[in-house]
Amino acid sequence: MDIDCRAERFAYYLIDNNTTIRKTAAFFHISKSTVHNDISNRLKTLNYSLYLKVQKVLTKNFSEKHIRGGNATKKKYCK
C-alpha cells in the first residue's frame, strides 16, 4: 500500500466513522503509532484541508478522553 494513499485512507475512515486513533488502528490491523504519524505528520503536507478535518475529530476525542476513561472504570468495577 502506498504510504500517501494509506494516510488519506486513515483520515477518511477516522472522519467518516468519528472514531479514535486506537480504533482506526485496530480496524486496519496496524499500530497506533503508524496511524498517528500518518495523520499528524504526512497528511499535513499531502492534503492540508483533510488534515484540518482530522484535527477537529482528534481535538474532540481528546476533550472527551477523561469521560470515556471514567465510564470504562465504572463499567469494570460496577458489574
N, C-alpha and C. Protein backbone atom coordinates (compact mmCIF):
# COMPACT_ATOMS: atom_id res chain seq x y z
N MET A 1 0.85 -1.18 0.00
CA MET A 1 0.00 0.00 0.00
C MET A 1 0.90 1.24 0.00
N ASP A 2 0.58 2.18 -0.83
CA ASP A 2 1.31 3.44 -0.91
C ASP A 2 1.12 4.24 0.39
N ILE A 3 2.20 4.77 0.93
CA ILE A 3 2.14 5.47 2.21
C ILE A 3 1.23 6.70 2.14
N ASP A 4 1.29 7.45 1.05
CA ASP A 4 0.45 8.63 0.92
C ASP A 4 -1.02 8.25 0.85
N CYS A 5 -1.31 7.21 0.10
CA CYS A 5 -2.69 6.71 -0.01
C CYS A 5 -3.16 6.19 1.35
N ARG A 6 -2.26 5.53 2.07
CA ARG A 6 -2.60 4.98 3.38
C ARG A 6 -2.98 6.10 4.35
N ALA A 7 -2.24 7.19 4.33
CA ALA A 7 -2.53 8.30 5.24
C ALA A 7 -3.92 8.87 4.96
N GLU A 8 -4.27 9.00 3.69
CA GLU A 8 -5.60 9.52 3.35
C GLU A 8 -6.70 8.52 3.71
N ARG A 9 -6.44 7.23 3.53
CA ARG A 9 -7.44 6.22 3.91
C ARG A 9 -7.71 6.28 5.41
N PHE A 10 -6.65 6.39 6.21
CA PHE A 10 -6.81 6.51 7.67
C PHE A 10 -7.65 7.74 7.99
N ALA A 11 -7.33 8.84 7.34
CA ALA A 11 -8.03 10.11 7.63
C ALA A 11 -9.51 10.01 7.28
N TYR A 12 -9.82 9.49 6.10
CA TYR A 12 -11.23 9.38 5.70
C TYR A 12 -11.99 8.43 6.62
N TYR A 13 -11.36 7.34 7.02
CA TYR A 13 -12.03 6.41 7.94
C TYR A 13 -12.29 7.08 9.28
N LEU A 14 -11.29 7.78 9.80
CA LEU A 14 -11.42 8.44 11.09
C LEU A 14 -12.53 9.49 11.07
N ILE A 15 -12.61 10.26 9.99
CA ILE A 15 -13.62 11.31 9.87
C ILE A 15 -15.02 10.72 9.66
N ASP A 16 -15.12 9.77 8.73
CA ASP A 16 -16.43 9.19 8.40
C ASP A 16 -17.06 8.46 9.57
N ASN A 17 -16.23 7.79 10.37
CA ASN A 17 -16.76 7.00 11.48
C ASN A 17 -16.62 7.71 12.83
N ASN A 18 -16.05 8.91 12.81
CA ASN A 18 -15.88 9.70 14.02
C ASN A 18 -15.25 8.85 15.12
N THR A 19 -14.15 8.22 14.79
CA THR A 19 -13.52 7.26 15.67
C THR A 19 -12.19 7.79 16.22
N THR A 20 -11.55 7.00 17.04
CA THR A 20 -10.28 7.37 17.65
C THR A 20 -9.12 6.77 16.86
N ILE A 21 -7.92 7.20 17.18
CA ILE A 21 -6.73 6.64 16.55
C ILE A 21 -6.62 5.16 16.88
N ARG A 22 -6.91 4.80 18.12
CA ARG A 22 -6.83 3.41 18.56
C ARG A 22 -7.79 2.51 17.77
N LYS A 23 -9.02 2.97 17.59
CA LYS A 23 -10.00 2.16 16.86
C LYS A 23 -9.67 2.12 15.36
N THR A 24 -9.13 3.20 14.84
CA THR A 24 -8.71 3.21 13.44
C THR A 24 -7.58 2.21 13.23
N ALA A 25 -6.63 2.20 14.14
CA ALA A 25 -5.50 1.27 14.05
C ALA A 25 -5.99 -0.18 14.14
N ALA A 26 -6.93 -0.44 15.01
CA ALA A 26 -7.47 -1.80 15.14
C ALA A 26 -8.19 -2.22 13.86
N PHE A 27 -8.93 -1.30 13.26
CA PHE A 27 -9.67 -1.62 12.05
C PHE A 27 -8.73 -2.00 10.91
N PHE A 28 -7.62 -1.28 10.78
CA PHE A 28 -6.67 -1.54 9.69
C PHE A 28 -5.58 -2.54 10.08
N HIS A 29 -5.63 -3.06 11.31
CA HIS A 29 -4.64 -4.02 11.81
C HIS A 29 -3.21 -3.47 11.67
N ILE A 30 -3.03 -2.28 12.21
CA ILE A 30 -1.74 -1.59 12.12
C ILE A 30 -1.53 -0.87 13.46
N SER A 31 -0.30 -0.48 13.74
CA SER A 31 -0.03 0.12 15.05
C SER A 31 -0.60 1.53 15.17
N LYS A 32 -0.87 1.91 16.42
CA LYS A 32 -1.37 3.26 16.70
C LYS A 32 -0.34 4.31 16.31
N SER A 33 0.92 3.99 16.50
CA SER A 33 2.00 4.94 16.15
C SER A 33 2.00 5.24 14.66
N THR A 34 1.78 4.23 13.85
CA THR A 34 1.75 4.42 12.41
C THR A 34 0.59 5.30 12.00
N VAL A 35 -0.58 5.02 12.55
CA VAL A 35 -1.77 5.82 12.23
C VAL A 35 -1.54 7.26 12.67
N HIS A 36 -1.05 7.45 13.88
CA HIS A 36 -0.83 8.79 14.40
C HIS A 36 0.19 9.55 13.54
N ASN A 37 1.28 8.89 13.19
CA ASN A 37 2.31 9.53 12.37
C ASN A 37 1.75 9.91 11.00
N ASP A 38 0.99 9.02 10.40
CA ASP A 38 0.44 9.29 9.07
C ASP A 38 -0.54 10.45 9.08
N ILE A 39 -1.45 10.48 10.05
CA ILE A 39 -2.48 11.53 10.03
C ILE A 39 -2.01 12.84 10.66
N SER A 40 -0.94 12.80 11.43
CA SER A 40 -0.46 14.02 12.05
C SER A 40 0.69 14.67 11.28
N ASN A 41 1.53 13.87 10.67
CA ASN A 41 2.71 14.42 10.00
C ASN A 41 2.59 14.37 8.48
N ARG A 42 2.37 13.20 7.94
CA ARG A 42 2.34 13.06 6.48
C ARG A 42 1.16 13.79 5.86
N LEU A 43 0.01 13.67 6.49
CA LEU A 43 -1.21 14.26 5.92
C LEU A 43 -1.12 15.78 5.85
N LYS A 44 -0.38 16.36 6.76
CA LYS A 44 -0.25 17.82 6.80
C LYS A 44 0.37 18.35 5.50
N THR A 45 1.31 17.60 4.93
CA THR A 45 1.95 18.04 3.69
C THR A 45 1.21 17.54 2.46
N LEU A 46 0.47 16.44 2.59
CA LEU A 46 -0.25 15.87 1.45
C LEU A 46 -1.55 16.61 1.13
N ASN A 47 -2.37 16.74 2.15
CA ASN A 47 -3.72 17.28 1.95
C ASN A 47 -4.08 18.10 3.19
N TYR A 48 -3.76 19.36 3.18
CA TYR A 48 -3.92 20.19 4.38
C TYR A 48 -5.37 20.35 4.80
N SER A 49 -6.30 20.45 3.86
CA SER A 49 -7.71 20.60 4.23
C SER A 49 -8.23 19.34 4.92
N LEU A 50 -7.80 18.17 4.46
CA LEU A 50 -8.17 16.92 5.12
C LEU A 50 -7.53 16.83 6.50
N TYR A 51 -6.31 17.30 6.60
CA TYR A 51 -5.60 17.34 7.88
C TYR A 51 -6.38 18.16 8.91
N LEU A 52 -6.91 19.30 8.49
CA LEU A 52 -7.68 20.14 9.41
C LEU A 52 -8.95 19.45 9.88
N LYS A 53 -9.61 18.71 8.99
CA LYS A 53 -10.81 17.96 9.39
C LYS A 53 -10.46 16.88 10.40
N VAL A 54 -9.34 16.20 10.19
CA VAL A 54 -8.90 15.16 11.12
C VAL A 54 -8.59 15.79 12.48
N GLN A 55 -7.96 16.94 12.47
CA GLN A 55 -7.61 17.59 13.73
C GLN A 55 -8.85 17.96 14.54
N LYS A 56 -9.94 18.32 13.86
CA LYS A 56 -11.19 18.61 14.58
C LYS A 56 -11.68 17.38 15.32
N VAL A 57 -11.66 16.23 14.64
CA VAL A 57 -12.10 14.98 15.27
C VAL A 57 -11.18 14.62 16.42
N LEU A 58 -9.88 14.74 16.22
CA LEU A 58 -8.92 14.39 17.27
C LEU A 58 -9.03 15.32 18.47
N THR A 59 -9.29 16.59 18.23
CA THR A 59 -9.46 17.54 19.34
C THR A 59 -10.70 17.19 20.15
N LYS A 60 -11.77 16.83 19.46
CA LYS A 60 -12.99 16.41 20.15
C LYS A 60 -12.75 15.15 20.97
N ASN A 61 -12.05 14.19 20.38
CA ASN A 61 -11.74 12.95 21.08
C ASN A 61 -10.90 13.22 22.32
N PHE A 62 -9.93 14.11 22.18
CA PHE A 62 -9.06 14.43 23.30
C PHE A 62 -9.85 15.07 24.44
N SER A 63 -10.80 15.92 24.10
CA SER A 63 -11.59 16.59 25.15
C SER A 63 -12.55 15.62 25.84
N GLU A 64 -12.89 14.52 25.19
CA GLU A 64 -13.81 13.53 25.78
C GLU A 64 -13.09 12.35 26.40
N LYS A 65 -11.77 12.32 26.32
CA LYS A 65 -11.00 11.16 26.76
C LYS A 65 -11.23 10.84 28.24
N HIS A 66 -11.28 11.83 29.08
CA HIS A 66 -11.45 11.58 30.51
C HIS A 66 -12.84 11.00 30.81
N ILE A 67 -13.83 11.34 30.02
CA ILE A 67 -15.18 10.80 30.21
C ILE A 67 -15.20 9.31 29.85
N ARG A 68 -14.60 8.96 28.70
CA ARG A 68 -14.54 7.56 28.29
C ARG A 68 -13.78 6.72 29.31
N GLY A 69 -12.70 7.27 29.85
CA GLY A 69 -11.92 6.56 30.85
C GLY A 69 -12.72 6.33 32.12
N GLY A 70 -13.46 7.34 32.54
CA GLY A 70 -14.31 7.20 33.72
C GLY A 70 -15.40 6.16 33.52
N ASN A 71 -16.00 6.16 32.35
CA ASN A 71 -17.05 5.16 32.06
C ASN A 71 -16.48 3.75 32.02
N ALA A 72 -15.28 3.60 31.49
CA ALA A 72 -14.64 2.29 31.44
C ALA A 72 -14.34 1.77 32.85
N THR A 73 -13.87 2.67 33.72
CA THR A 73 -13.59 2.28 35.09
C THR A 73 -14.87 1.92 35.83
N LYS A 74 -15.92 2.68 35.62
CA LYS A 74 -17.21 2.41 36.24
C LYS A 74 -17.73 1.03 35.79
N LYS A 75 -17.62 0.77 34.50
CA LYS A 75 -18.09 -0.50 33.96
C LYS A 75 -17.29 -1.67 34.54
N LYS A 76 -15.99 -1.46 34.73
CA LYS A 76 -15.12 -2.51 35.24
C LYS A 76 -15.47 -2.89 36.68
N TYR A 77 -15.78 -1.90 37.51
CA TYR A 77 -15.98 -2.16 38.93
C TYR A 77 -17.44 -2.25 39.36
N CYS A 78 -18.37 -1.84 38.55
CA CYS A 78 -19.79 -1.87 38.91
C CYS A 78 -20.54 -2.86 38.01
N LYS A 79 -20.19 -4.12 38.13
CA LYS A 79 -20.83 -5.13 37.28
C LYS A 79 -22.14 -5.58 37.84
